[in-house]
Amino acid sequence: MEIWINPACSKCRSAISLLDAEGADYTVRRYLEDVPTEDEIRAVLDRLGLEPWDITRTQETAAKELGLAQWPRDAGARDRWVTALAEHPKLIQRPIITADDGTAVVARSEEAVRDALGRG
């Protein structure tokens, strides 16, 4: 199990605390420092069953500067979104937990973290 975090994020810290409390075996990826490649982002999206715009933090300054609100949300624009996430990792919703069963969850709630733990 791996968790993508931003240490400054309170939801990330809460998720780590819960994983620790449950004795989970996991690795931490500080994705702002260890930026995921476009292929890694695509793989996580496949595991999540989501599209890139579903995990994009559209209120971030970079999103506004890029004009993401006006970008199409369709298959033809998918690669453009993935590239934006790779180039501006702060846009990636957090935390994301990749579970041992090949799935992943955006773990913004205690229930989502517990769901990921149950998939281990």
PDB file of N, CA and C in Angstrom:
ATOM      1  N   MET A   1       0.853  -1.169   0.000  1.00  0.00           N
ATOM      2  CA  MET A   1       0.000   0.000   0.000  1.00  0.00           C
ATOM      3  C   MET A   1       0.898   1.231   0.000  1.00  0.00           C
ATOM      4  N   GLU A   2       0.509   2.202  -0.845  1.00  0.00           N
ATOM      5  CA  GLU A   2       1.251   3.452  -0.910  1.00  0.00           C
ATOM      6  C   GLU A   2       0.260   4.597  -0.749  1.00  0.00           C
ATOM      7  N   ILE A   3       0.698   5.655  -0.080  1.00  0.00           N
ATOM      8  CA  ILE A   3      -0.149   6.826   0.076  1.00  0.00           C
ATOM      9  C   ILE A   3       0.590   8.039  -0.457  1.00  0.00           C
ATOM     10  N   TRP A   4      -0.079   8.743  -1.370  1.00  0.00           N
ATOM     11  CA  TRP A   4       0.480   9.975  -1.929  1.00  0.00           C
ATOM     12  C   TRP A   4       0.012  11.113  -1.034  1.00  0.00           C
ATOM     13  N   ILE A   5       0.963  11.846  -0.471  1.00  0.00           N
ATOM     14  CA  ILE A   5       0.593  12.913   0.462  1.00  0.00           C
ATOM     15  C   ILE A   5       1.330  14.219   0.187  1.00  0.00           C
ATOM     16  N   ASN A   6       0.750  15.264   0.728  1.00  0.00           N
ATOM     17  CA  ASN A   6       1.395  16.554   0.898  1.00  0.00           C
ATOM     18  C   ASN A   6       1.420  16.740   2.412  1.00  0.00           C
ATOM     19  N   PRO A   7       2.604  16.769   3.044  1.00  0.00           N
ATOM     20  CA  PRO A   7       2.671  16.845   4.508  1.00  0.00           C
ATOM     21  C   PRO A   7       1.961  18.069   5.090  1.00  0.00           C
ATOM     22  N   ALA A   8       1.764  19.109   4.301  1.00  0.00           N
ATOM     23  CA  ALA A   8       1.083  20.307   4.791  1.00  0.00           C
ATOM     24  C   ALA A   8      -0.438  20.141   4.832  1.00  0.00           C
ATOM     25  N   CYS A   9      -0.942  19.052   4.277  1.00  0.00           N
ATOM     26  CA  CYS A   9      -2.385  18.819   4.161  1.00  0.00           C
ATOM     27  C   CYS A   9      -2.927  18.107   5.403  1.00  0.00           C
ATOM     28  N   SER A  10      -3.935  18.694   6.030  1.00  0.00           N
ATOM     29  CA  SER A  10      -4.501  18.097   7.248  1.00  0.00           C
ATOM     30  C   SER A  10      -5.173  16.754   6.958  1.00  0.00           C
ATOM     31  N   LYS A  11      -5.812  16.603   5.803  1.00  0.00           N
ATOM     32  CA  LYS A  11      -6.449  15.319   5.467  1.00  0.00           C
ATOM     33  C   LYS A  11      -5.396  14.228   5.280  1.00  0.00           C
ATOM     34  N   CYS A  12      -4.229  14.607   4.738  1.00  0.00           N
ATOM     35  CA  CYS A  12      -3.133  13.645   4.581  1.00  0.00           C
ATOM     36  C   CYS A  12      -2.619  13.211   5.954  1.00  0.00           C
ATOM     37  N   ARG A  13      -2.426  14.169   6.832  1.00  0.00           N
ATOM     38  CA  ARG A  13      -1.939  13.841   8.179  1.00  0.00           C
ATOM     39  C   ARG A  13      -2.941  12.963   8.920  1.00  0.00           C
ATOM     40  N   SER A  14      -4.230  13.228   8.760  1.00  0.00           N
ATOM     41  CA  SER A  14      -5.262  12.404   9.394  1.00  0.00           C
ATOM     42  C   SER A  14      -5.229  10.983   8.850  1.00  0.00           C
ATOM     43  N   ALA A  15      -5.052  10.853   7.537  1.00  0.00           N
ATOM     44  CA  ALA A  15      -5.002   9.524   6.929  1.00  0.00           C
ATOM     45  C   ALA A  15      -3.799   8.738   7.446  1.00  0.00           C
ATOM     46  N   ILE A  16      -2.639   9.398   7.537  1.00  0.00           N
ATOM     47  CA  ILE A  16      -1.433   8.744   8.062  1.00  0.00           C
ATOM     48  C   ILE A  16      -1.659   8.305   9.511  1.00  0.00           C
ATOM     49  N   SER A  17      -2.269   9.168  10.309  1.00  0.00           N
ATOM     50  CA  SER A  17      -2.533   8.832  11.720  1.00  0.00           C
ATOM     51  C   SER A  17      -3.413   7.595  11.819  1.00  0.00           C
ATOM     52  N   LEU A  18      -4.435   7.518  10.971  1.00  0.00           N
ATOM     53  CA  LEU A  18      -5.330   6.364  10.994  1.00  0.00           C
ATOM     54  C   LEU A  18      -4.608   5.103  10.533  1.00  0.00           C
ATOM     55  N   LEU A  19      -3.811   5.219   9.473  1.00  0.00           N
ATOM     56  CA  LEU A  19      -3.043   4.055   9.019  1.00  0.00           C
ATOM     57  C   LEU A  19      -2.114   3.567  10.125  1.00  0.00           C
ATOM     58  N   ASP A  20      -1.456   4.505  10.816  1.00  0.00           N
ATOM     59  CA  ASP A  20      -0.564   4.133  11.921  1.00  0.00           C
ATOM     60  C   ASP A  20      -1.342   3.480  13.054  1.00  0.00           C
ATOM     61  N   ALA A  21      -2.492   4.044  13.397  1.00  0.00           N
ATOM     62  CA  ALA A  21      -3.308   3.503  14.488  1.00  0.00           C
ATOM     63  C   ALA A  21      -3.773   2.082  14.182  1.00  0.00           C
ATOM     64  N   GLU A  22      -3.980   1.806  12.897  1.00  0.00           N
ATOM     65  CA  GLU A  22      -4.437   0.468  12.492  1.00  0.00           C
ATOM     66  C   GLU A  22      -3.266  -0.481  12.233  1.00  0.00           C
ATOM     67  N   GLY A  23      -2.048   0.011  12.390  1.00  0.00           N
ATOM     68  CA  GLY A  23      -0.873  -0.837  12.171  1.00  0.00           C
ATOM     69  C   GLY A  23      -0.672  -1.222  10.717  1.00  0.00           C
ATOM     70  N   ALA A  24      -1.110  -0.390   9.809  1.00  0.00           N
ATOM     71  CA  ALA A  24      -1.008  -0.699   8.378  1.00  0.00           C
ATOM     72  C   ALA A  24       0.440  -0.656   7.908  1.00  0.00           C
ATOM     73  N   ASP A  25       0.726  -1.495   6.923  1.00  0.00           N
ATOM     74  CA  ASP A  25       2.040  -1.515   6.281  1.00  0.00           C
ATOM     75  C   ASP A  25       1.911  -0.686   5.006  1.00  0.00           C
ATOM     76  N   TYR A  26       2.579   0.450   4.950  1.00  0.00           N
ATOM     77  CA  TYR A  26       2.443   1.334   3.807  1.00  0.00           C
ATOM     78  C   TYR A  26       3.730   2.117   3.589  1.00  0.00           C
ATOM     79  N   THR A  27       3.850   2.677   2.399  1.00  0.00           N
ATOM     80  CA  THR A  27       4.952   3.581   2.109  1.00  0.00           C
ATOM     81  C   THR A  27       4.354   4.941   1.776  1.00  0.00           C
ATOM     82  N   VAL A  28       5.096   5.980   2.109  1.00  0.00           N
ATOM     83  CA  VAL A  28       4.659   7.354   1.869  1.00  0.00           C
ATOM     84  C   VAL A  28       5.354   7.887   0.625  1.00  0.00           C
ATOM     85  N   ARG A  29       4.581   8.506  -0.222  1.00  0.00           N
ATOM     86  CA  ARG A  29       5.143   9.207  -1.380  1.00  0.00           C
ATOM     87  C   ARG A  29       4.746  10.681  -1.258  1.00  0.00           C
ATOM     88  N   ARG A  30       5.742  11.507  -1.060  1.00  0.00           N
ATOM     89  CA  ARG A  30       5.505  12.953  -1.030  1.00  0.00           C
ATOM     90  C   ARG A  30       5.493  13.411  -2.478  1.00  0.00           C
ATOM     91  N   TYR A  31       4.313  13.393  -3.065  1.00  0.00           N
ATOM     92  CA  TYR A  31       4.203  13.547  -4.509  1.00  0.00           C
ATOM     93  C   TYR A  31       4.582  14.927  -5.031  1.00  0.00           C
ATOM     94  N   LEU A  32       4.716  15.930  -4.154  1.00  0.00           N
ATOM     95  CA  LEU A  32       5.186  17.232  -4.619  1.00  0.00           C
ATOM     96  C   LEU A  32       6.696  17.216  -4.824  1.00  0.00           C
ATOM     97  N   GLU A  33       7.383  16.311  -4.103  1.00  0.00           N
ATOM     98  CA  GLU A  33       8.831  16.159  -4.236  1.00  0.00           C
ATOM     99  C   GLU A  33       9.176  15.022  -5.203  1.00  0.00           C
ATOM    100  N   ASP A  34       8.468  13.909  -5.068  1.00  0.00           N
ATOM    101  CA  ASP A  34       8.647  12.735  -5.925  1.00  0.00           C
ATOM    102  C   ASP A  34       7.468  12.720  -6.899  1.00  0.00           C
ATOM    103  N   VAL A  35       7.547  13.599  -7.893  1.00  0.00           N
ATOM    104  CA  VAL A  35       6.412  13.859  -8.786  1.00  0.00           C
ATOM    105  C   VAL A  35       6.113  12.635  -9.651  1.00  0.00           C
ATOM    106  N   PRO A  36       4.844  12.215  -9.666  1.00  0.00           N
ATOM    107  CA  PRO A  36       4.481  11.076 -10.504  1.00  0.00           C
ATOM    108  C   PRO A  36       4.590  11.413 -11.993  1.00  0.00           C
ATOM    109  N   THR A  37       4.991  10.418 -12.767  1.00  0.00           N
ATOM    110  CA  THR A  37       5.057  10.582 -14.217  1.00  0.00           C
ATOM    111  C   THR A  37       3.643  10.512 -14.788  1.00  0.00           C
ATOM    112  N   GLU A  38       3.529  10.871 -16.044  1.00  0.00           N
ATOM    113  CA  GLU A  38       2.222  10.767 -16.700  1.00  0.00           C
ATOM    114  C   GLU A  38       1.726   9.318 -16.669  1.00  0.00           C
ATOM    115  N   ASP A  39       2.628   8.364 -16.890  1.00  0.00           N
ATOM    116  CA  ASP A  39       2.226   6.947 -16.851  1.00  0.00           C
ATOM    117  C   ASP A  39       1.760   6.533 -15.461  1.00  0.00           C
ATOM    118  N   GLU A  40       2.436   7.020 -14.419  1.00  0.00           N
ATOM    119  CA  GLU A  40       2.005   6.700 -13.055  1.00  0.00           C
ATOM    120  C   GLU A  40       0.635   7.308 -12.757  1.00  0.00           C
ATOM    121  N   ILE A  41       0.410   8.519 -13.244  1.00  0.00           N
ATOM    122  CA  ILE A  41      -0.896   9.153 -13.041  1.00  0.00           C
ATOM    123  C   ILE A  41      -1.976   8.354 -13.767  1.00  0.00           C
ATOM    124  N   ARG A  42      -1.697   7.938 -14.997  1.00  0.00           N
ATOM    125  CA  ARG A  42      -2.671   7.124 -15.740  1.00  0.00           C
ATOM    126  C   ARG A  42      -2.973   5.815 -14.994  1.00  0.00           C
ATOM    127  N   ALA A  43      -1.922   5.192 -14.454  1.00  0.00           N
ATOM    128  CA  ALA A  43      -2.109   3.926 -13.726  1.00  0.00           C
ATOM    129  C   ALA A  43      -2.978   4.138 -12.491  1.00  0.00           C
ATOM    130  N   VAL A  44      -2.736   5.217 -11.761  1.00  0.00           N
ATOM    131  CA  VAL A  44      -3.549   5.499 -10.568  1.00  0.00           C
ATOM    132  C   VAL A  44      -4.986   5.808 -10.974  1.00  0.00           C
ATOM    133  N   LEU A  45      -5.167   6.550 -12.040  1.00  0.00           N
ATOM    134  CA  LEU A  45      -6.523   6.833 -12.518  1.00  0.00           C
ATOM    135  C   LEU A  45      -7.258   5.537 -12.861  1.00  0.00           C
ATOM    136  N   ASP A  46      -6.552   4.607 -13.517  1.00  0.00           N
ATOM    137  CA  ASP A  46      -7.157   3.311 -13.840  1.00  0.00           C
ATOM    138  C   ASP A  46      -7.554   2.583 -12.559  1.00  0.00           C
ATOM    139  N   ARG A  47      -6.679   2.625 -11.561  1.00  0.00           N
ATOM    140  CA  ARG A  47      -6.960   1.959 -10.289  1.00  0.00           C
ATOM    141  C   ARG A  47      -8.133   2.615  -9.559  1.00  0.00           C
ATOM    142  N   LEU A  48      -8.220   3.941  -9.690  1.00  0.00           N
ATOM    143  CA  LEU A  48      -9.316   4.680  -9.058  1.00  0.00           C
ATOM    144  C   LEU A  48     -10.636   4.519  -9.812  1.00  0.00           C
ATOM    145  N   GLY A  49     -10.523   4.238 -11.125  1.00  0.00           N
ATOM    146  CA  GLY A  49     -11.717   4.215 -11.959  1.00  0.00           C
ATOM    147  C   GLY A  49     -12.234   5.623 -12.212  1.00  0.00           C
ATOM    148  N   LEU A  50     -11.316   6.600 -12.236  1.00  0.00           N
ATOM    149  CA  LEU A  50     -11.678   8.006 -12.411  1.00  0.00           C
ATOM    150  C   LEU A  50     -10.955   8.611 -13.607  1.00  0.00           C
ATOM    151  N   GLU A  51     -11.377   9.794 -13.979  1.00  0.00           N
ATOM    152  CA  GLU A  51     -10.740  10.565 -15.030  1.00  0.00           C
ATOM    153  C   GLU A  51      -9.853  11.629 -14.378  1.00  0.00           C
ATOM    154  N   PRO A  52      -8.891  12.184 -15.122  1.00  0.00           N
ATOM    155  CA  PRO A  52      -7.971  13.155 -14.497  1.00  0.00           C
ATOM    156  C   PRO A  52      -8.685  14.372 -13.909  1.00  0.00           C
ATOM    157  N   TRP A  53      -9.744  14.832 -14.555  1.00  0.00           N
ATOM    158  CA  TRP A  53     -10.461  15.998 -14.028  1.00  0.00           C
ATOM    159  C   TRP A  53     -11.167  15.673 -12.713  1.00  0.00           C
ATOM    160  N   ASP A  54     -11.400  14.383 -12.437  1.00  0.00           N
ATOM    161  CA  ASP A  54     -12.031  13.972 -11.179  1.00  0.00           C
ATOM    162  C   ASP A  54     -11.089  14.119  -9.986  1.00  0.00           C
ATOM    163  N   ILE A  55      -9.775  14.110 -10.242  1.00  0.00           N
ATOM    164  CA  ILE A  55      -8.807  14.221  -9.139  1.00  0.00           C
ATOM    165  C   ILE A  55      -8.017  15.524  -9.209  1.00  0.00           C
ATOM    166  N   THR A  56      -8.557  16.493  -9.942  1.00  0.00           N
ATOM    167  CA  THR A  56      -7.867  17.775 -10.087  1.00  0.00           C
ATOM    168  C   THR A  56      -8.425  18.788  -9.099  1.00  0.00           C
ATOM    169  N   ARG A  57      -7.509  19.443  -8.398  1.00  0.00           N
ATOM    170  CA  ARG A  57      -7.877  20.495  -7.452  1.00  0.00           C
ATOM    171  C   ARG A  57      -8.052  21.788  -8.252  1.00  0.00           C
ATOM    172  N   THR A  58      -9.275  22.028  -8.688  1.00  0.00           N
ATOM    173  CA  THR A  58      -9.539  23.125  -9.619  1.00  0.00           C
ATOM    174  C   THR A  58      -9.495  24.504  -8.969  1.00  0.00           C
ATOM    175  N   GLN A  59      -9.440  24.571  -7.649  1.00  0.00           N
ATOM    176  CA  GLN A  59      -9.366  25.876  -6.980  1.00  0.00           C
ATOM    177  C   GLN A  59      -7.932  26.343  -6.747  1.00  0.00           C
ATOM    178  N   GLU A  60      -6.959  25.501  -7.070  1.00  0.00           N
ATOM    179  CA  GLU A  60      -5.554  25.891  -6.912  1.00  0.00           C
ATOM    180  C   GLU A  60      -5.213  27.018  -7.890  1.00  0.00           C
ATOM    181  N   THR A  61      -4.260  27.831  -7.509  1.00  0.00           N
ATOM    182  CA  THR A  61      -3.828  28.945  -8.359  1.00  0.00           C
ATOM    183  C   THR A  61      -3.418  28.461  -9.743  1.00  0.00           C
ATOM    184  N   ALA A  62      -2.648  27.377  -9.809  1.00  0.00           N
ATOM    185  CA  ALA A  62      -2.188  26.858 -11.108  1.00  0.00           C
ATOM    186  C   ALA A  62      -3.371  26.467 -11.994  1.00  0.00           C
ATOM    187  N   ALA A  63      -4.416  25.914 -11.403  1.00  0.00           N
ATOM    188  CA  ALA A  63      -5.601  25.531 -12.181  1.00  0.00           C
ATOM    189  C   ALA A  63      -6.255  26.758 -12.795  1.00  0.00           C
ATOM    190  N   LYS A  64      -6.330  27.804 -12.014  1.00  0.00           N
ATOM    191  CA  LYS A  64      -6.932  29.048 -12.513  1.00  0.00           C
ATOM    192  C   LYS A  64      -6.050  29.662 -13.597  1.00  0.00           C
ATOM    193  N   GLU A  65      -4.731  29.635 -13.384  1.00  0.00           N
ATOM    194  CA  GLU A  65      -3.809  30.186 -14.388  1.00  0.00           C
ATOM    195  C   GLU A  65      -3.880  29.413 -15.699  1.00  0.00           C
ATOM    196  N   LEU A  66      -4.071  28.103 -15.615  1.00  0.00           N
ATOM    197  CA  LEU A  66      -4.175  27.266 -16.815  1.00  0.00           C
ATOM    198  C   LEU A  66      -5.558  27.347 -17.464  1.00  0.00           C
ATOM    199  N   GLY A  67      -6.533  27.880 -16.739  1.00  0.00           N
ATOM    200  CA  GLY A  67      -7.895  27.948 -17.258  1.00  0.00           C
ATOM    201  C   GLY A  67      -8.585  26.600 -17.308  1.00  0.00           C
ATOM    202  N   LEU A  68      -8.267  25.719 -16.346  1.00  0.00           N
ATOM    203  CA  LEU A  68      -8.811  24.355 -16.368  1.00  0.00           C
ATOM    204  C   LEU A  68     -10.337  24.310 -16.379  1.00  0.00           C
ATOM    205  N   ALA A  69     -10.974  25.292 -15.788  1.00  0.00           N
ATOM    206  CA  ALA A  69     -12.439  25.298 -15.746  1.00  0.00           C
ATOM    207  C   ALA A  69     -13.033  25.271 -17.158  1.00  0.00           C
ATOM    208  N   GLN A  70     -12.283  25.785 -18.133  1.00  0.00           N
ATOM    209  CA  GLN A  70     -12.785  25.818 -19.505  1.00  0.00           C
ATOM    210  C   GLN A  70     -12.320  24.630 -20.349  1.00  0.00           C
ATOM    211  N   TRP A  71     -11.451  23.791 -19.815  1.00  0.00           N
ATOM    212  CA  TRP A  71     -10.959  22.654 -20.593  1.00  0.00           C
ATOM    213  C   TRP A  71     -12.074  21.627 -20.778  1.00  0.00           C
ATOM    214  N   PRO A  72     -12.116  21.004 -21.970  1.00  0.00           N
ATOM    215  CA  PRO A  72     -13.106  19.942 -22.164  1.00  0.00           C
ATOM    216  C   PRO A  72     -12.805  18.756 -21.242  1.00  0.00           C
ATOM    217  N   ARG A  73     -13.866  18.080 -20.866  1.00  0.00           N
ATOM    218  CA  ARG A  73     -13.735  16.891 -20.019  1.00  0.00           C
ATOM    219  C   ARG A  73     -14.231  15.699 -20.823  1.00  0.00           C
ATOM    220  N   ASP A  74     -13.378  15.275 -21.753  1.00  0.00           N
ATOM    221  CA  ASP A  74     -13.727  14.152 -22.607  1.00  0.00           C
ATOM    222  C   ASP A  74     -12.458  13.374 -22.972  1.00  0.00           C
ATOM    223  N   ALA A  75     -12.647  12.253 -23.636  1.00  0.00           N
ATOM    224  CA  ALA A  75     -11.520  11.372 -23.962  1.00  0.00           C
ATOM    225  C   ALA A  75     -10.441  12.096 -24.757  1.00  0.00           C
ATOM    226  N   GLY A  76     -10.838  13.007 -25.633  1.00  0.00           N
ATOM    227  CA  GLY A  76      -9.873  13.723 -26.445  1.00  0.00           C
ATOM    228  C   GLY A  76      -8.977  14.651 -25.639  1.00  0.00           C
ATOM    229  N   ALA A  77      -9.458  15.089 -24.491  1.00  0.00           N
ATOM    230  CA  ALA A  77      -8.689  16.015 -23.645  1.00  0.00           C
ATOM    231  C   ALA A  77      -7.960  15.299 -22.506  1.00  0.00           C
ATOM    232  N   ARG A  78      -8.175  14.006 -22.375  1.00  0.00           N
ATOM    233  CA  ARG A  78      -7.615  13.265 -21.231  1.00  0.00           C
ATOM    234  C   ARG A  78      -6.104  13.447 -21.095  1.00  0.00           C
ATOM    235  N   ASP A  79      -5.362  13.286 -22.184  1.00  0.00           N
ATOM    236  CA  ASP A  79      -3.902  13.400 -22.116  1.00  0.00           C
ATOM    237  C   ASP A  79      -3.462  14.793 -21.693  1.00  0.00           C
ATOM    238  N   ARG A  80      -4.187  15.807 -22.150  1.00  0.00           N
ATOM    239  CA  ARG A  80      -3.863  17.178 -21.766  1.00  0.00           C
ATOM    240  C   ARG A  80      -3.994  17.359 -20.250  1.00  0.00           C
ATOM    241  N   TRP A  81      -5.044  16.786 -19.672  1.00  0.00           N
ATOM    242  CA  TRP A  81      -5.248  16.858 -18.220  1.00  0.00           C
ATOM    243  C   TRP A  81      -4.137  16.112 -17.477  1.00  0.00           C
ATOM    244  N   VAL A  82      -3.800  14.915 -17.952  1.00  0.00           N
ATOM    245  CA  VAL A  82      -2.748  14.118 -17.306  1.00  0.00           C
ATOM    246  C   VAL A  82      -1.428  14.877 -17.336  1.00  0.00           C
ATOM    247  N   THR A  83      -1.117  15.487 -18.468  1.00  0.00           N
ATOM    248  CA  THR A  83       0.109  16.284 -18.583  1.00  0.00           C
ATOM    249  C   THR A  83       0.100  17.429 -17.578  1.00  0.00           C
ATOM    250  N   ALA A  84      -1.027  18.101 -17.442  1.00  0.00           N
ATOM    251  CA  ALA A  84      -1.132  19.210 -16.484  1.00  0.00           C
ATOM    252  C   ALA A  84      -0.888  18.717 -15.055  1.00  0.00           C
ATOM    253  N   LEU A  85      -1.419  17.554 -14.711  1.00  0.00           N
ATOM    254  CA  LEU A  85      -1.209  17.007 -13.356  1.00  0.00           C
ATOM    255  C   LEU A  85       0.260  16.663 -13.130  1.00  0.00           C
ATOM    256  N   ALA A  86       0.913  16.123 -14.150  1.00  0.00           N
ATOM    257  CA  ALA A  86       2.333  15.770 -14.024  1.00  0.00           C
ATOM    258  C   ALA A  86       3.202  17.027 -13.919  1.00  0.00           C
ATOM    259  N   GLU A  87       2.834  18.063 -14.651  1.00  0.00           N
ATOM    260  CA  GLU A  87       3.615  19.296 -14.641  1.00  0.00           C
ATOM    261  C   GLU A  87       3.321  20.180 -13.425  1.00  0.00           C
ATOM    262  N   HIS A  88       2.133  20.006 -12.844  1.00  0.00           N
ATOM    263  CA  HIS A  88       1.705  20.806 -11.685  1.00  0.00           C
ATOM    264  C   HIS A  88       1.124  19.855 -10.631  1.00  0.00           C
ATOM    265  N   PRO A  89       1.981  19.079  -9.953  1.00  0.00           N
ATOM    266  CA  PRO A  89       1.473  18.043  -9.037  1.00  0.00           C
ATOM    267  C   PRO A  89       0.600  18.588  -7.906  1.00  0.00           C
ATOM    268  N   LYS A  90       0.721  19.877  -7.605  1.00  0.00           N
ATOM    269  CA  LYS A  90      -0.125  20.456  -6.564  1.00  0.00           C
ATOM    270  C   LYS A  90      -1.605  20.352  -6.933  1.00  0.00           C
ATOM    271  N   LEU A  91      -1.882  20.146  -8.208  1.00  0.00           N
ATOM    272  CA  LEU A  91      -3.262  20.016  -8.677  1.00  0.00           C
ATOM    273  C   LEU A  91      -3.879  18.657  -8.343  1.00  0.00           C
ATOM    274  N   ILE A  92      -3.058  17.681  -7.967  1.00  0.00           N
ATOM    275  CA  ILE A  92      -3.554  16.330  -7.699  1.00  0.00           C
ATOM    276  C   ILE A  92      -4.255  16.293  -6.343  1.00  0.00           C
ATOM    277  N   GLN A  93      -5.489  15.796  -6.359  1.00  0.00           N
ATOM    278  CA  GLN A  93      -6.246  15.631  -5.112  1.00  0.00           C
ATOM    279  C   GLN A  93      -5.480  14.703  -4.175  1.00  0.00           C
ATOM    280  N   ARG A  94      -5.591  14.916  -2.907  1.00  0.00           N
ATOM    281  CA  ARG A  94      -4.828  14.145  -1.934  1.00  0.00           C
ATOM    282  C   ARG A  94      -5.661  13.865  -0.701  1.00  0.00           C
ATOM    283  N   PRO A  95      -5.287  12.871   0.062  1.00  0.00           N
ATOM    284  CA  PRO A  95      -4.313  11.824  -0.249  1.00  0.00           C
ATOM    285  C   PRO A  95      -4.927  10.757  -1.153  1.00  0.00           C
ATOM    286  N   ILE A  96      -4.063  10.063  -1.857  1.00  0.00           N
ATOM    287  CA  ILE A  96      -4.490   8.913  -2.661  1.00  0.00           C
ATOM    288  C   ILE A  96      -3.778   7.694  -2.099  1.00  0.00           C
ATOM    289  N   ILE A  97      -4.565   6.664  -1.808  1.00  0.00           N
ATOM    290  CA  ILE A  97      -3.995   5.397  -1.318  1.00  0.00           C
ATOM    291  C   ILE A  97      -4.165   4.343  -2.396  1.00  0.00           C
ATOM    292  N   THR A  98      -3.045   3.718  -2.772  1.00  0.00           N
ATOM    293  CA  THR A  98      -3.109   2.584  -3.689  1.00  0.00           C
ATOM    294  C   THR A  98      -3.088   1.325  -2.826  1.00  0.00           C
ATOM    295  N   ALA A  99      -4.158   0.559  -2.926  1.00  0.00           N
ATOM    296  CA  ALA A  99      -4.318  -0.634  -2.096  1.00  0.00           C
ATOM    297  C   ALA A  99      -3.616  -1.832  -2.724  1.00  0.00           C
ATOM    298  N   ASP A 100      -3.355  -2.823  -1.885  1.00  0.00           N
ATOM    299  CA  ASP A 100      -2.634  -4.008  -2.332  1.00  0.00           C
ATOM    300  C   ASP A 100      -3.419  -4.853  -3.330  1.00  0.00           C
ATOM    301  N   ASP A 101      -4.736  -4.649  -3.393  1.00  0.00           N
ATOM    302  CA  ASP A 101      -5.540  -5.461  -4.321  1.00  0.00           C
ATOM    303  C   ASP A 101      -5.593  -4.871  -5.730  1.00  0.00           C
ATOM    304  N   GLY A 102      -4.812  -3.793  -5.970  1.00  0.00           N
ATOM    305  CA  GLY A 102      -4.772  -3.208  -7.298  1.00  0.00           C
ATOM    306  C   GLY A 102      -5.715  -2.029  -7.482  1.00  0.00           C
ATOM    307  N   THR A 103      -6.495  -1.708  -6.456  1.00  0.00           N
ATOM    308  CA  THR A 103      -7.391  -0.568  -6.542  1.00  0.00           C
ATOM    309  C   THR A 103      -6.747   0.631  -5.850  1.00  0.00           C
ATOM    310  N   ALA A 104      -7.458   1.735  -5.838  1.00  0.00           N
ATOM    311  CA  ALA A 104      -6.989   2.935  -5.152  1.00  0.00           C
ATOM    312  C   ALA A 104      -8.201   3.736  -4.697  1.00  0.00           C
ATOM    313  N   VAL A 105      -7.992   4.611  -3.712  1.00  0.00           N
ATOM    314  CA  VAL A 105      -9.055   5.500  -3.242  1.00  0.00           C
ATOM    315  C   VAL A 105      -8.468   6.881  -2.981  1.00  0.00           C
ATOM    316  N   VAL A 106      -9.294   7.894  -3.196  1.00  0.00           N
ATOM    317  CA  VAL A 106      -8.957   9.238  -2.741  1.00  0.00           C
ATOM    318  C   VAL A 106      -9.431   9.265  -1.290  1.00  0.00           C
ATOM    319  N   ALA A 107      -8.475   9.297  -0.367  1.00  0.00           N
ATOM    320  CA  ALA A 107      -8.751   9.045   1.053  1.00  0.00           C
ATOM    321  C   ALA A 107      -8.938  10.330   1.847  1.00  0.00           C
ATOM    322  N   ARG A 108      -9.957  11.111   1.491  1.00  0.00           N
ATOM    323  CA  ARG A 108     -10.191  12.386   2.156  1.00  0.00           C
ATOM    324  C   ARG A 108     -11.061  12.246   3.399  1.00  0.00           C
ATOM    325  N   SER A 109     -11.536  11.051   3.676  1.00  0.00           N
ATOM    326  CA  SER A 109     -12.348  10.829   4.877  1.00  0.00           C
ATOM    327  C   SER A 109     -11.852   9.577   5.589  1.00  0.00           C
ATOM    328  N   GLU A 110     -12.219   9.468   6.858  1.00  0.00           N
ATOM    329  CA  GLU A 110     -11.852   8.273   7.624  1.00  0.00           C
ATOM    330  C   GLU A 110     -12.441   7.027   6.970  1.00  0.00           C
ATOM    331  N   GLU A 111     -13.670   7.140   6.455  1.00  0.00           N
ATOM    332  CA  GLU A 111     -14.307   5.989   5.808  1.00  0.00           C
ATOM    333  C   GLU A 111     -13.505   5.532   4.597  1.00  0.00           C
ATOM    334  N   ALA A 112     -12.989   6.469   3.816  1.00  0.00           N
ATOM    335  CA  ALA A 112     -12.219   6.118   2.624  1.00  0.00           C
ATOM    336  C   ALA A 112     -10.910   5.432   3.020  1.00  0.00           C
ATOM    337  N   VAL A 113     -10.270   5.905   4.084  1.00  0.00           N
ATOM    338  CA  VAL A 113      -9.029   5.274   4.552  1.00  0.00           C
ATOM    339  C   VAL A 113      -9.338   3.849   5.007  1.00  0.00           C
ATOM    340  N   ARG A 114     -10.411   3.695   5.772  1.00  0.00           N
ATOM    341  CA  ARG A 114     -10.801   2.354   6.234  1.00  0.00           C
ATOM    342  C   ARG A 114     -11.143   1.442   5.052  1.00  0.00           C
ATOM    343  N   ASP A 115     -11.759   2.004   4.029  1.00  0.00           N
ATOM    344  CA  ASP A 115     -12.084   1.238   2.812  1.00  0.00           C
ATOM    345  C   ASP A 115     -10.785   0.714   2.188  1.00  0.00           C
ATOM    346  N   ALA A 116      -9.763   1.580   2.089  1.00  0.00           N
ATOM    347  CA  ALA A 116      -8.474   1.163   1.529  1.00  0.00           C
ATOM    348  C   ALA A 116      -7.839   0.090   2.386  1.00  0.00           C
ATOM    349  N   LEU A 117      -7.942   0.231   3.715  1.00  0.00           N
ATOM    350  CA  LEU A 117      -7.382  -0.777   4.616  1.00  0.00           C
ATOM    351  C   LEU A 117      -8.070  -2.130   4.397  1.00  0.00           C
ATOM    352  N   GLY A 118      -9.353  -2.103   4.144  1.00  0.00           N
ATOM    353  CA  GLY A 118     -10.109  -3.327   3.932  1.00  0.00           C
ATOM    354  C   GLY A 118      -9.766  -4.017   2.615  1.00  0.00           C
ATOM    355  N   ARG A 119      -9.148  -3.287   1.719  1.00  0.00           N
ATOM    356  CA  ARG A 119      -8.777  -3.854   0.413  1.00  0.00           C
ATOM    357  C   ARG A 119      -7.399  -4.497   0.435  1.00  0.00           C
ATOM    358  N   GLY A 120      -6.692  -4.271   1.546  1.00  0.00           N
ATOM    359  CA  GLY A 120      -5.314  -4.767   1.641  1.00  0.00           C
ATOM    360  C   GLY A 120      -5.204  -6.219   1.452  1.00  0.00           C
TER     361      GLY A 120
END
